[in-house]
Amino acid sequence: MIEARFRMQLPTDIWIHEVSTSFPEATFKLLTGVPLGDRALEVGEITTADPEAAGDAVREHPDVVAYDRLYVDEQRIIARYEAVEQQLYEFLGDSSLPPKFPVRFENGAMEFDMIATRDQFELMGAGLDAGGYEYELLSIVEGRNPETLLTERQRECLTVALREGYFHVPRSCTLAEVADQLDVDKSTASETIRRGSARVLEWFLIEGSSR
């Protein structure tokens, strides 16, 4: 299996290009999304010095037909919204690869990760070339040793969470208790556990199925 990271210039006629170039210092993250009929339902995060202004630009764009702010602080805003533009999902559908979230957008460019077989990777590259996309391959790793699958911190967080019963059904400890054990805040513990869990699932379900 191959794990690769790409940066691709966005078509100028999609709404996220317009909004991200209007706030060139901001980082827009598509945390999750799914096409629904003629729309896309998405949850996005913006990190910038003025998150409310950037969030308002998303909400007021004519291609965004519904917008619900979920969280905001001095540097970050998270919202759920519906957009009529679906080029991202059409692009990923053409490549036969599921989207790997989060997808980052900065100043008119999209940065995304993919996990694929060698054949899928080559088809992806051929599709990008044939489509005339302007893109850059930022990194590529072929194969993965299970011993190096997780960072040291991810391994520690998952080990504590598993030992304390965070993954039990029903849970026998809370996220706050896991965070206390690790001496970090809840947000950091949640993010590290989420990323580590995603790595393990990807390796088991995608890479493991190819062995």
N, C-alpha and C. Protein backbone atom coordinates (compact mmCIF):
# COMPACT_ATOMS: atom_id res chain seq x y z
N MET A 1 0.84 -1.21 0.00
CA MET A 1 0.00 0.00 0.00
C MET A 1 0.87 1.25 0.00
N ILE A 2 0.32 2.31 -0.55
CA ILE A 2 1.02 3.58 -0.65
C ILE A 2 0.23 4.64 0.10
N GLU A 3 0.91 5.42 0.90
CA GLU A 3 0.30 6.58 1.55
C GLU A 3 0.97 7.82 0.97
N ALA A 4 0.18 8.71 0.42
CA ALA A 4 0.72 9.89 -0.26
C ALA A 4 -0.05 11.13 0.13
N ARG A 5 0.64 12.26 0.03
CA ARG A 5 0.01 13.55 0.29
C ARG A 5 0.20 14.44 -0.94
N PHE A 6 -0.90 15.03 -1.38
CA PHE A 6 -0.89 15.89 -2.56
C PHE A 6 -1.31 17.31 -2.18
N ARG A 7 -0.79 18.28 -2.93
CA ARG A 7 -1.34 19.63 -2.91
C ARG A 7 -1.78 19.96 -4.33
N MET A 8 -3.02 20.41 -4.47
CA MET A 8 -3.58 20.66 -5.79
C MET A 8 -4.25 22.02 -5.82
N GLN A 9 -4.01 22.77 -6.88
CA GLN A 9 -4.68 24.05 -7.06
C GLN A 9 -6.15 23.80 -7.39
N LEU A 10 -7.02 24.54 -6.72
CA LEU A 10 -8.46 24.36 -6.90
C LEU A 10 -8.95 25.07 -8.16
N PRO A 11 -9.94 24.51 -8.82
CA PRO A 11 -10.59 25.25 -9.91
C PRO A 11 -11.15 26.57 -9.37
N THR A 12 -11.05 27.61 -10.14
CA THR A 12 -11.45 28.93 -9.65
C THR A 12 -12.95 29.11 -9.55
N ASP A 13 -13.72 28.17 -10.11
CA ASP A 13 -15.18 28.35 -10.12
C ASP A 13 -15.88 27.64 -8.96
N ILE A 14 -15.14 27.15 -7.96
CA ILE A 14 -15.79 26.51 -6.82
C ILE A 14 -15.70 27.45 -5.61
N TRP A 15 -16.67 27.35 -4.74
CA TRP A 15 -16.83 28.34 -3.68
C TRP A 15 -15.66 28.37 -2.71
N ILE A 16 -15.07 27.23 -2.40
CA ILE A 16 -13.99 27.23 -1.41
C ILE A 16 -12.75 27.93 -1.95
N HIS A 17 -12.57 27.93 -3.28
CA HIS A 17 -11.47 28.70 -3.86
C HIS A 17 -11.69 30.19 -3.61
N GLU A 18 -12.90 30.65 -3.86
CA GLU A 18 -13.22 32.07 -3.67
C GLU A 18 -13.05 32.49 -2.22
N VAL A 19 -13.58 31.68 -1.30
CA VAL A 19 -13.52 32.05 0.11
C VAL A 19 -12.09 31.96 0.64
N SER A 20 -11.37 30.90 0.30
CA SER A 20 -10.02 30.72 0.84
C SER A 20 -9.05 31.77 0.30
N THR A 21 -9.24 32.21 -0.94
CA THR A 21 -8.36 33.26 -1.46
C THR A 21 -8.73 34.63 -0.89
N SER A 22 -9.94 34.77 -0.39
CA SER A 22 -10.33 36.01 0.28
C SER A 22 -9.73 36.10 1.68
N PHE A 23 -9.36 34.94 2.24
CA PHE A 23 -8.72 34.87 3.56
C PHE A 23 -7.45 34.03 3.41
N PRO A 24 -6.41 34.59 2.75
CA PRO A 24 -5.23 33.78 2.39
C PRO A 24 -4.42 33.27 3.58
N GLU A 25 -4.58 33.89 4.75
CA GLU A 25 -3.83 33.44 5.93
C GLU A 25 -4.59 32.36 6.72
N ALA A 26 -5.81 32.07 6.33
CA ALA A 26 -6.64 31.12 7.06
C ALA A 26 -6.42 29.69 6.57
N THR A 27 -6.64 28.75 7.47
CA THR A 27 -6.64 27.33 7.12
C THR A 27 -8.07 26.81 7.23
N PHE A 28 -8.60 26.32 6.14
CA PHE A 28 -9.93 25.73 6.09
C PHE A 28 -9.77 24.22 6.07
N LYS A 29 -10.47 23.53 6.97
CA LYS A 29 -10.42 22.07 7.01
C LYS A 29 -11.81 21.50 6.79
N LEU A 30 -11.92 20.59 5.86
CA LEU A 30 -13.13 19.80 5.70
C LEU A 30 -12.97 18.58 6.59
N LEU A 31 -13.66 18.59 7.74
CA LEU A 31 -13.50 17.52 8.72
C LEU A 31 -14.20 16.25 8.28
N THR A 32 -15.35 16.40 7.67
CA THR A 32 -16.08 15.26 7.11
C THR A 32 -17.11 15.80 6.13
N GLY A 33 -17.52 14.97 5.22
CA GLY A 33 -18.51 15.40 4.24
C GLY A 33 -19.05 14.22 3.46
N VAL A 34 -20.26 14.40 2.94
CA VAL A 34 -20.88 13.34 2.16
C VAL A 34 -21.82 13.97 1.14
N PRO A 35 -21.82 13.49 -0.11
CA PRO A 35 -22.77 14.02 -1.09
C PRO A 35 -24.17 13.48 -0.82
N LEU A 36 -25.15 14.37 -0.88
CA LEU A 36 -26.55 13.99 -0.67
C LEU A 36 -27.38 14.59 -1.80
N GLY A 37 -27.71 13.77 -2.78
CA GLY A 37 -28.46 14.28 -3.92
C GLY A 37 -27.67 15.33 -4.67
N ASP A 38 -28.25 16.52 -4.80
CA ASP A 38 -27.57 17.59 -5.52
C ASP A 38 -26.79 18.51 -4.60
N ARG A 39 -26.59 18.09 -3.35
CA ARG A 39 -25.85 18.89 -2.37
C ARG A 39 -24.77 18.05 -1.70
N ALA A 40 -23.93 18.74 -0.93
CA ALA A 40 -22.95 18.06 -0.10
C ALA A 40 -23.14 18.55 1.33
N LEU A 41 -23.28 17.62 2.27
CA LEU A 41 -23.38 17.95 3.68
C LEU A 41 -21.99 17.84 4.28
N GLU A 42 -21.51 18.92 4.89
CA GLU A 42 -20.12 18.96 5.34
C GLU A 42 -20.01 19.58 6.72
N VAL A 43 -18.94 19.20 7.43
CA VAL A 43 -18.55 19.86 8.67
C VAL A 43 -17.15 20.42 8.44
N GLY A 44 -17.01 21.72 8.63
CA GLY A 44 -15.73 22.37 8.36
C GLY A 44 -15.22 23.16 9.54
N GLU A 45 -13.90 23.35 9.54
CA GLU A 45 -13.23 24.13 10.59
C GLU A 45 -12.37 25.19 9.91
N ILE A 46 -12.37 26.39 10.46
CA ILE A 46 -11.52 27.46 9.96
C ILE A 46 -10.66 27.95 11.12
N THR A 47 -9.35 28.03 10.88
CA THR A 47 -8.42 28.57 11.86
C THR A 47 -7.82 29.84 11.29
N THR A 48 -8.02 30.95 11.98
CA THR A 48 -7.56 32.24 11.48
C THR A 48 -7.66 33.27 12.59
N ALA A 49 -7.10 34.46 12.36
CA ALA A 49 -7.14 35.51 13.37
C ALA A 49 -8.54 36.07 13.55
N ASP A 50 -9.38 35.97 12.54
CA ASP A 50 -10.76 36.48 12.62
C ASP A 50 -11.72 35.39 12.13
N PRO A 51 -11.95 34.36 12.94
CA PRO A 51 -12.75 33.23 12.47
C PRO A 51 -14.20 33.59 12.14
N GLU A 52 -14.77 34.54 12.86
CA GLU A 52 -16.18 34.87 12.58
C GLU A 52 -16.34 35.50 11.20
N ALA A 53 -15.38 36.33 10.80
CA ALA A 53 -15.46 36.94 9.46
C ALA A 53 -15.33 35.87 8.38
N ALA A 54 -14.41 34.92 8.58
CA ALA A 54 -14.25 33.84 7.59
C ALA A 54 -15.49 32.96 7.57
N GLY A 55 -16.05 32.67 8.75
CA GLY A 55 -17.28 31.88 8.81
C GLY A 55 -18.44 32.58 8.12
N ASP A 56 -18.52 33.90 8.30
CA ASP A 56 -19.58 34.66 7.63
C ASP A 56 -19.44 34.59 6.12
N ALA A 57 -18.19 34.58 5.63
CA ALA A 57 -17.96 34.50 4.18
C ALA A 57 -18.45 33.16 3.63
N VAL A 58 -18.25 32.09 4.40
CA VAL A 58 -18.78 30.79 4.00
C VAL A 58 -20.31 30.82 4.00
N ARG A 59 -20.88 31.31 5.09
CA ARG A 59 -22.34 31.33 5.24
C ARG A 59 -23.01 32.15 4.15
N GLU A 60 -22.39 33.25 3.75
CA GLU A 60 -23.01 34.17 2.80
C GLU A 60 -22.75 33.81 1.34
N HIS A 61 -21.88 32.82 1.10
CA HIS A 61 -21.61 32.47 -0.30
C HIS A 61 -22.87 31.84 -0.92
N PRO A 62 -23.22 32.22 -2.14
CA PRO A 62 -24.45 31.70 -2.74
C PRO A 62 -24.47 30.19 -2.96
N ASP A 63 -23.31 29.54 -3.01
CA ASP A 63 -23.29 28.09 -3.17
C ASP A 63 -23.51 27.35 -1.86
N VAL A 64 -23.50 28.06 -0.74
CA VAL A 64 -23.76 27.46 0.58
C VAL A 64 -25.21 27.77 0.93
N VAL A 65 -26.04 26.73 0.95
CA VAL A 65 -27.49 26.94 1.07
C VAL A 65 -28.01 26.73 2.49
N ALA A 66 -27.19 26.20 3.38
CA ALA A 66 -27.57 26.05 4.78
C ALA A 66 -26.30 26.11 5.61
N TYR A 67 -26.38 26.74 6.79
CA TYR A 67 -25.18 26.95 7.60
C TYR A 67 -25.57 26.96 9.07
N ASP A 68 -24.85 26.18 9.87
CA ASP A 68 -25.13 26.10 11.30
C ASP A 68 -23.81 26.14 12.05
N ARG A 69 -23.56 27.24 12.74
CA ARG A 69 -22.32 27.37 13.51
C ARG A 69 -22.37 26.48 14.74
N LEU A 70 -21.35 25.66 14.92
CA LEU A 70 -21.30 24.71 16.03
C LEU A 70 -20.41 25.19 17.17
N TYR A 71 -19.33 25.91 16.83
CA TYR A 71 -18.37 26.33 17.86
C TYR A 71 -17.55 27.49 17.32
N VAL A 72 -17.20 28.42 18.20
CA VAL A 72 -16.31 29.51 17.81
C VAL A 72 -15.51 29.96 19.02
N ASP A 73 -14.23 30.28 18.81
CA ASP A 73 -13.43 30.94 19.83
C ASP A 73 -12.59 32.00 19.13
N GLU A 74 -11.52 32.45 19.75
CA GLU A 74 -10.77 33.58 19.20
C GLU A 74 -10.03 33.23 17.91
N GLN A 75 -9.74 31.96 17.68
CA GLN A 75 -8.95 31.59 16.51
C GLN A 75 -9.57 30.49 15.66
N ARG A 76 -10.72 29.97 16.07
CA ARG A 76 -11.25 28.80 15.35
C ARG A 76 -12.77 28.84 15.34
N ILE A 77 -13.33 28.38 14.22
CA ILE A 77 -14.78 28.24 14.11
C ILE A 77 -15.07 26.90 13.44
N ILE A 78 -16.10 26.22 13.92
CA ILE A 78 -16.54 24.94 13.35
C ILE A 78 -18.01 25.09 12.98
N ALA A 79 -18.36 24.63 11.79
CA ALA A 79 -19.74 24.77 11.33
C ALA A 79 -20.15 23.56 10.50
N ARG A 80 -21.45 23.31 10.50
CA ARG A 80 -22.05 22.31 9.61
C ARG A 80 -22.82 23.07 8.54
N TYR A 81 -22.63 22.67 7.29
CA TYR A 81 -23.27 23.42 6.21
C TYR A 81 -23.57 22.50 5.03
N GLU A 82 -24.41 22.99 4.15
CA GLU A 82 -24.74 22.29 2.91
C GLU A 82 -24.33 23.18 1.74
N ALA A 83 -23.67 22.58 0.77
CA ALA A 83 -23.22 23.31 -0.41
C ALA A 83 -23.70 22.60 -1.67
N VAL A 84 -23.96 23.37 -2.70
CA VAL A 84 -24.46 22.76 -3.94
C VAL A 84 -23.32 22.29 -4.84
N GLU A 85 -22.09 22.65 -4.51
CA GLU A 85 -20.93 22.28 -5.33
C GLU A 85 -20.39 20.93 -4.86
N GLN A 86 -20.15 20.00 -5.82
CA GLN A 86 -19.72 18.65 -5.47
C GLN A 86 -18.48 18.19 -6.24
N GLN A 87 -17.67 19.13 -6.73
CA GLN A 87 -16.52 18.73 -7.54
C GLN A 87 -15.54 17.86 -6.76
N LEU A 88 -15.38 18.12 -5.46
CA LEU A 88 -14.46 17.31 -4.67
C LEU A 88 -14.88 15.84 -4.70
N TYR A 89 -16.16 15.58 -4.50
CA TYR A 89 -16.65 14.20 -4.45
C TYR A 89 -16.64 13.56 -5.83
N GLU A 90 -16.88 14.36 -6.86
CA GLU A 90 -16.79 13.83 -8.22
C GLU A 90 -15.34 13.46 -8.54
N PHE A 91 -14.41 14.29 -8.10
CA PHE A 91 -12.99 14.02 -8.32
C PHE A 91 -12.57 12.73 -7.61
N LEU A 92 -12.97 12.60 -6.34
CA LEU A 92 -12.62 11.40 -5.58
C LEU A 92 -13.34 10.18 -6.13
N GLY A 93 -14.58 10.36 -6.58
CA GLY A 93 -15.31 9.24 -7.16
C GLY A 93 -14.65 8.74 -8.43
N ASP A 94 -14.16 9.66 -9.25
CA ASP A 94 -13.48 9.26 -10.48
C ASP A 94 -12.21 8.46 -10.18
N SER A 95 -11.58 8.74 -9.04
CA SER A 95 -10.35 8.03 -8.69
C SER A 95 -10.62 6.71 -7.98
N SER A 96 -11.91 6.43 -7.67
CA SER A 96 -12.32 5.20 -6.97
C SER A 96 -11.72 5.10 -5.58
N LEU A 97 -11.38 6.24 -4.99
CA LEU A 97 -10.80 6.25 -3.65
C LEU A 97 -11.74 7.00 -2.70
N PRO A 98 -11.96 6.47 -1.50
CA PRO A 98 -12.78 7.19 -0.54
C PRO A 98 -12.03 8.42 -0.04
N PRO A 99 -12.74 9.49 0.31
CA PRO A 99 -12.05 10.67 0.85
C PRO A 99 -11.42 10.36 2.19
N LYS A 100 -10.23 10.89 2.42
CA LYS A 100 -9.53 10.72 3.68
C LYS A 100 -9.52 12.09 4.37
N PHE A 101 -10.30 12.20 5.40
CA PHE A 101 -10.44 13.48 6.09
C PHE A 101 -9.43 13.58 7.23
N PRO A 102 -9.06 14.83 7.62
CA PRO A 102 -9.53 16.09 7.06
C PRO A 102 -8.81 16.45 5.77
N VAL A 103 -9.49 17.26 4.95
CA VAL A 103 -8.91 17.84 3.75
C VAL A 103 -8.67 19.32 4.03
N ARG A 104 -7.45 19.80 3.72
CA ARG A 104 -7.09 21.19 4.03
C ARG A 104 -7.18 22.07 2.78
N PHE A 105 -7.62 23.30 3.01
CA PHE A 105 -7.68 24.29 1.93
C PHE A 105 -7.00 25.56 2.42
N GLU A 106 -6.06 26.05 1.65
CA GLU A 106 -5.38 27.30 1.99
C GLU A 106 -5.13 28.10 0.72
N ASN A 107 -5.67 29.31 0.68
CA ASN A 107 -5.39 30.26 -0.39
C ASN A 107 -5.52 29.65 -1.78
N GLY A 108 -6.63 28.97 -2.01
CA GLY A 108 -6.91 28.43 -3.34
C GLY A 108 -6.29 27.08 -3.65
N ALA A 109 -5.69 26.45 -2.66
CA ALA A 109 -5.07 25.13 -2.87
C ALA A 109 -5.66 24.12 -1.90
N MET A 110 -5.75 22.87 -2.33
CA MET A 110 -6.26 21.78 -1.50
C MET A 110 -5.12 20.81 -1.20
N GLU A 111 -5.00 20.41 0.05
CA GLU A 111 -4.00 19.43 0.46
C GLU A 111 -4.74 18.22 1.02
N PHE A 112 -4.45 17.04 0.50
CA PHE A 112 -5.18 15.85 0.93
C PHE A 112 -4.26 14.64 0.94
N ASP A 113 -4.64 13.65 1.75
CA ASP A 113 -3.92 12.39 1.86
C ASP A 113 -4.70 11.29 1.18
N MET A 114 -4.00 10.27 0.75
CA MET A 114 -4.65 9.10 0.17
C MET A 114 -3.88 7.85 0.56
N ILE A 115 -4.61 6.76 0.70
CA ILE A 115 -4.01 5.44 0.89
C ILE A 115 -4.52 4.57 -0.23
N ALA A 116 -3.62 3.97 -0.98
CA ALA A 116 -4.02 3.26 -2.19
C ALA A 116 -3.05 2.14 -2.50
N THR A 117 -3.50 1.22 -3.32
CA THR A 117 -2.59 0.23 -3.88
C THR A 117 -1.72 0.93 -4.93
N ARG A 118 -0.70 0.24 -5.38
CA ARG A 118 0.16 0.79 -6.42
C ARG A 118 -0.65 1.11 -7.68
N ASP A 119 -1.56 0.21 -8.08
CA ASP A 119 -2.37 0.44 -9.27
C ASP A 119 -3.27 1.65 -9.10
N GLN A 120 -3.91 1.77 -7.92
CA GLN A 120 -4.78 2.92 -7.67
C GLN A 120 -3.99 4.23 -7.69
N PHE A 121 -2.79 4.18 -7.12
CA PHE A 121 -1.95 5.37 -7.09
C PHE A 121 -1.58 5.82 -8.50
N GLU A 122 -1.22 4.86 -9.34
CA GLU A 122 -0.85 5.20 -10.71
C GLU A 122 -2.05 5.73 -11.49
N LEU A 123 -3.23 5.15 -11.25
CA LEU A 123 -4.44 5.66 -11.90
C LEU A 123 -4.77 7.07 -11.43
N MET A 124 -4.53 7.32 -10.14
CA MET A 124 -4.77 8.65 -9.59
C MET A 124 -3.88 9.68 -10.30
N GLY A 125 -2.59 9.36 -10.40
CA GLY A 125 -1.67 10.26 -11.08
C GLY A 125 -2.04 10.49 -12.53
N ALA A 126 -2.44 9.41 -13.21
CA ALA A 126 -2.84 9.53 -14.61
C ALA A 126 -4.08 10.41 -14.74
N GLY A 127 -5.03 10.26 -13.80
CA GLY A 127 -6.24 11.06 -13.83
C GLY A 127 -5.95 12.54 -13.59
N LEU A 128 -5.03 12.82 -12.66
CA LEU A 128 -4.66 14.21 -12.41
C LEU A 128 -4.01 14.83 -13.64
N ASP A 129 -3.12 14.07 -14.27
CA ASP A 129 -2.45 14.57 -15.48
C ASP A 129 -3.45 14.78 -16.61
N ALA A 130 -4.33 13.79 -16.81
CA ALA A 130 -5.29 13.88 -17.91
C ALA A 130 -6.28 15.02 -17.70
N GLY A 131 -6.61 15.29 -16.44
CA GLY A 131 -7.56 16.35 -16.14
C GLY A 131 -6.97 17.74 -16.18
N GLY A 132 -5.66 17.82 -16.39
CA GLY A 132 -5.00 19.12 -16.45
C GLY A 132 -4.87 19.82 -15.12
N TYR A 133 -4.92 19.04 -14.02
CA TYR A 133 -4.81 19.65 -12.70
C TYR A 133 -3.37 20.08 -12.43
N GLU A 134 -3.24 21.20 -11.74
CA GLU A 134 -1.93 21.66 -11.28
C GLU A 134 -1.74 21.11 -9.87
N TYR A 135 -0.81 20.18 -9.72
CA TYR A 135 -0.67 19.53 -8.42
C TYR A 135 0.79 19.25 -8.10
N GLU A 136 1.03 18.94 -6.83
CA GLU A 136 2.38 18.62 -6.34
C GLU A 136 2.27 17.43 -5.41
N LEU A 137 3.13 16.45 -5.59
CA LEU A 137 3.21 15.31 -4.68
C LEU A 137 4.13 15.71 -3.53
N LEU A 138 3.57 15.88 -2.34
CA LEU A 138 4.33 16.37 -1.20
C LEU A 138 5.11 15.27 -0.50
N SER A 139 4.51 14.09 -0.41
CA SER A 139 5.19 12.98 0.27
C SER A 139 4.60 11.66 -0.21
N ILE A 140 5.39 10.62 -0.11
CA ILE A 140 4.91 9.29 -0.47
C ILE A 140 5.65 8.26 0.37
N VAL A 141 4.90 7.34 0.94
CA VAL A 141 5.46 6.25 1.73
C VAL A 141 4.84 4.96 1.24
N GLU A 142 5.65 4.00 0.89
CA GLU A 142 5.13 2.73 0.39
C GLU A 142 5.30 1.67 1.47
N GLY A 143 4.15 1.06 1.83
CA GLY A 143 4.18 0.06 2.89
C GLY A 143 4.30 0.72 4.25
N ARG A 144 3.98 -0.01 5.29
CA ARG A 144 4.08 0.52 6.64
C ARG A 144 4.33 -0.62 7.61
N ASN A 145 5.35 -0.46 8.43
CA ASN A 145 5.65 -1.41 9.48
C ASN A 145 4.70 -1.16 10.64
N PRO A 146 3.97 -2.19 11.10
CA PRO A 146 3.04 -1.97 12.22
C PRO A 146 3.71 -1.36 13.45
N GLU A 147 5.02 -1.63 13.62
CA GLU A 147 5.71 -1.09 14.78
C GLU A 147 5.86 0.42 14.70
N THR A 148 5.82 0.97 13.50
CA THR A 148 5.96 2.42 13.34
C THR A 148 4.65 3.07 12.89
N LEU A 149 3.57 2.34 13.04
CA LEU A 149 2.27 2.84 12.59
C LEU A 149 1.85 4.08 13.36
N LEU A 150 2.07 4.08 14.68
CA LEU A 150 1.64 5.17 15.55
C LEU A 150 2.83 5.97 16.03
N THR A 151 2.59 7.26 16.31
CA THR A 151 3.61 8.03 17.00
C THR A 151 3.67 7.55 18.45
N GLU A 152 4.74 7.90 19.13
CA GLU A 152 4.88 7.48 20.53
C GLU A 152 3.72 8.02 21.37
N ARG A 153 3.31 9.25 21.09
CA ARG A 153 2.23 9.86 21.86
C ARG A 153 0.90 9.18 21.55
N GLN A 154 0.64 8.86 20.28
CA GLN A 154 -0.59 8.16 19.92
C GLN A 154 -0.64 6.79 20.60
N ARG A 155 0.48 6.09 20.60
CA ARG A 155 0.52 4.77 21.24
C ARG A 155 0.24 4.88 22.74
N GLU A 156 0.83 5.90 23.38
CA GLU A 156 0.60 6.10 24.81
C GLU A 156 -0.87 6.40 25.10
N CYS A 157 -1.46 7.29 24.30
CA CYS A 157 -2.87 7.66 24.52
C CYS A 157 -3.81 6.48 24.33
N LEU A 158 -3.59 5.72 23.26
CA LEU A 158 -4.45 4.56 23.00
C LEU A 158 -4.27 3.49 24.07
N THR A 159 -3.04 3.31 24.54
CA THR A 159 -2.79 2.32 25.58
C THR A 159 -3.52 2.68 26.87
N VAL A 160 -3.42 3.95 27.27
CA VAL A 160 -4.11 4.40 28.48
C VAL A 160 -5.63 4.28 28.31
N ALA A 161 -6.14 4.72 27.16
CA ALA A 161 -7.58 4.65 26.91
C ALA A 161 -8.09 3.22 26.95
N LEU A 162 -7.32 2.31 26.36
CA LEU A 162 -7.72 0.90 26.36
C LEU A 162 -7.67 0.32 27.77
N ARG A 163 -6.59 0.62 28.49
CA ARG A 163 -6.43 0.07 29.84
C ARG A 163 -7.51 0.57 30.79
N GLU A 164 -7.88 1.84 30.65
CA GLU A 164 -8.86 2.43 31.57
C GLU A 164 -10.30 2.12 31.19
N GLY A 165 -10.52 1.51 30.01
CA GLY A 165 -11.87 1.13 29.61
C GLY A 165 -12.61 2.13 28.77
N TYR A 166 -11.88 3.06 28.15
CA TYR A 166 -12.53 4.08 27.33
C TYR A 166 -13.22 3.47 26.11
N PHE A 167 -12.68 2.36 25.61
CA PHE A 167 -13.25 1.71 24.43
C PHE A 167 -14.26 0.62 24.78
N HIS A 168 -14.49 0.39 26.07
CA HIS A 168 -15.46 -0.62 26.47
C HIS A 168 -16.88 -0.16 26.12
N VAL A 169 -17.78 -1.12 25.98
CA VAL A 169 -19.19 -0.81 25.74
C VAL A 169 -20.02 -1.47 26.84
N PRO A 170 -20.60 -0.67 27.77
CA PRO A 170 -20.48 0.79 27.86
C PRO A 170 -19.11 1.19 28.41
N ARG A 171 -18.75 2.45 28.22
CA ARG A 171 -17.46 2.93 28.68
C ARG A 171 -17.37 2.87 30.19
N SER A 172 -16.18 2.49 30.66
CA SER A 172 -15.97 2.46 32.11
C SER A 172 -15.09 3.61 32.57
N CYS A 173 -14.76 4.54 31.67
CA CYS A 173 -14.09 5.77 32.06
C CYS A 173 -14.44 6.85 31.04
N THR A 174 -14.27 8.09 31.43
CA THR A 174 -14.61 9.21 30.56
C THR A 174 -13.36 9.74 29.86
N LEU A 175 -13.58 10.57 28.86
CA LEU A 175 -12.46 11.22 28.17
C LEU A 175 -11.68 12.09 29.15
N ALA A 176 -12.38 12.75 30.06
CA ALA A 176 -11.71 13.60 31.05
C ALA A 176 -10.77 12.77 31.92
N GLU A 177 -11.19 11.56 32.28
CA GLU A 177 -10.34 10.70 33.10
C GLU A 177 -9.11 10.23 32.32
N VAL A 178 -9.29 9.93 31.05
CA VAL A 178 -8.14 9.57 30.21
C VAL A 178 -7.18 10.75 30.12
N ALA A 179 -7.73 11.95 29.90
CA ALA A 179 -6.89 13.15 29.80
C ALA A 179 -6.11 13.39 31.09
N ASP A 180 -6.76 13.16 32.24
CA ASP A 180 -6.08 13.32 33.52
C ASP A 180 -4.91 12.35 33.65
N GLN A 181 -5.12 11.12 33.22
CA GLN A 181 -4.05 10.11 33.27
C GLN A 181 -2.86 10.54 32.42
N LEU A 182 -3.15 11.21 31.31
CA LEU A 182 -2.10 11.62 30.37
C LEU A 182 -1.55 13.01 30.68
N ASP A 183 -2.21 13.70 31.62
CA ASP A 183 -1.82 15.06 31.99
C ASP A 183 -1.92 16.02 30.80
N VAL A 184 -3.02 15.90 30.06
CA VAL A 184 -3.30 16.81 28.94
C VAL A 184 -4.75 17.26 29.05
N ASP A 185 -5.14 18.25 28.24
CA ASP A 185 -6.53 18.67 28.25
C ASP A 185 -7.38 17.71 27.41
N LYS A 186 -8.69 17.80 27.58
CA LYS A 186 -9.61 16.88 26.89
C LYS A 186 -9.50 16.99 25.38
N SER A 187 -9.35 18.20 24.88
CA SER A 187 -9.28 18.40 23.43
C SER A 187 -8.07 17.69 22.84
N THR A 188 -6.91 17.81 23.52
CA THR A 188 -5.70 17.15 23.03
C THR A 188 -5.84 15.64 23.09
N ALA A 189 -6.40 15.13 24.20
CA ALA A 189 -6.60 13.69 24.32
C ALA A 189 -7.53 13.17 23.24
N SER A 190 -8.63 13.88 23.01
CA SER A 190 -9.59 13.46 22.00
C SER A 190 -8.97 13.42 20.61
N GLU A 191 -8.23 14.46 20.25
CA GLU A 191 -7.62 14.54 18.92
C GLU A 191 -6.59 13.42 18.74
N THR A 192 -5.76 13.18 19.77
CA THR A 192 -4.73 12.16 19.65
C THR A 192 -5.34 10.76 19.56
N ILE A 193 -6.35 10.50 20.36
CA ILE A 193 -7.04 9.20 20.30
C ILE A 193 -7.70 9.01 18.95
N ARG A 194 -8.34 10.07 18.44
CA ARG A 194 -9.03 9.98 17.14
C ARG A 194 -8.04 9.68 16.03
N ARG A 195 -6.93 10.40 16.01
CA ARG A 195 -5.94 10.18 14.94
C ARG A 195 -5.29 8.81 15.06
N GLY A 196 -4.97 8.40 16.28
CA GLY A 196 -4.37 7.08 16.47
C GLY A 196 -5.32 5.97 16.09
N SER A 197 -6.59 6.10 16.48
CA SER A 197 -7.58 5.09 16.13
C SER A 197 -7.76 5.00 14.62
N ALA A 198 -7.75 6.16 13.95
CA ALA A 198 -7.89 6.17 12.49
C ALA A 198 -6.72 5.44 11.83
N ARG A 199 -5.51 5.66 12.35
CA ARG A 199 -4.33 4.98 11.80
C ARG A 199 -4.47 3.46 11.92
N VAL A 200 -4.89 3.00 13.10
CA VAL A 200 -5.03 1.56 13.33
C VAL A 200 -6.09 0.97 12.42
N LEU A 201 -7.23 1.65 12.30
CA LEU A 201 -8.31 1.14 11.44
C LEU A 201 -7.89 1.11 9.98
N GLU A 202 -7.21 2.16 9.53
CA GLU A 202 -6.75 2.19 8.14
C GLU A 202 -5.80 1.04 7.86
N TRP A 203 -4.87 0.82 8.79
CA TRP A 203 -3.90 -0.27 8.58
C TRP A 203 -4.61 -1.62 8.56
N PHE A 204 -5.55 -1.82 9.50
CA PHE A 204 -6.21 -3.11 9.61
C PHE A 204 -7.16 -3.36 8.45
N LEU A 205 -7.97 -2.35 8.10
CA LEU A 205 -9.01 -2.55 7.09
C LEU A 205 -8.51 -2.41 5.67
N ILE A 206 -7.54 -1.52 5.45
CA ILE A 206 -7.08 -1.27 4.09
C ILE A 206 -5.78 -2.01 3.80
N GLU A 207 -4.74 -1.74 4.59
CA GLU A 207 -3.48 -2.42 4.34
C GLU A 207 -3.57 -3.90 4.69
N GLY A 208 -4.27 -4.20 5.81
CA GLY A 208 -4.37 -5.60 6.21
C GLY A 208 -5.08 -6.45 5.20
N SER A 209 -6.06 -5.89 4.51
CA SER A 209 -6.82 -6.66 3.53
C SER A 209 -6.01 -6.99 2.29
N SER A 210 -4.90 -6.28 2.09
CA SER A 210 -4.09 -6.53 0.90
C SER A 210 -3.00 -7.56 1.15
N ARG A 211 -2.85 -8.02 2.39
CA ARG A 211 -1.78 -8.97 2.69
C ARG A 211 -2.28 -10.40 2.49
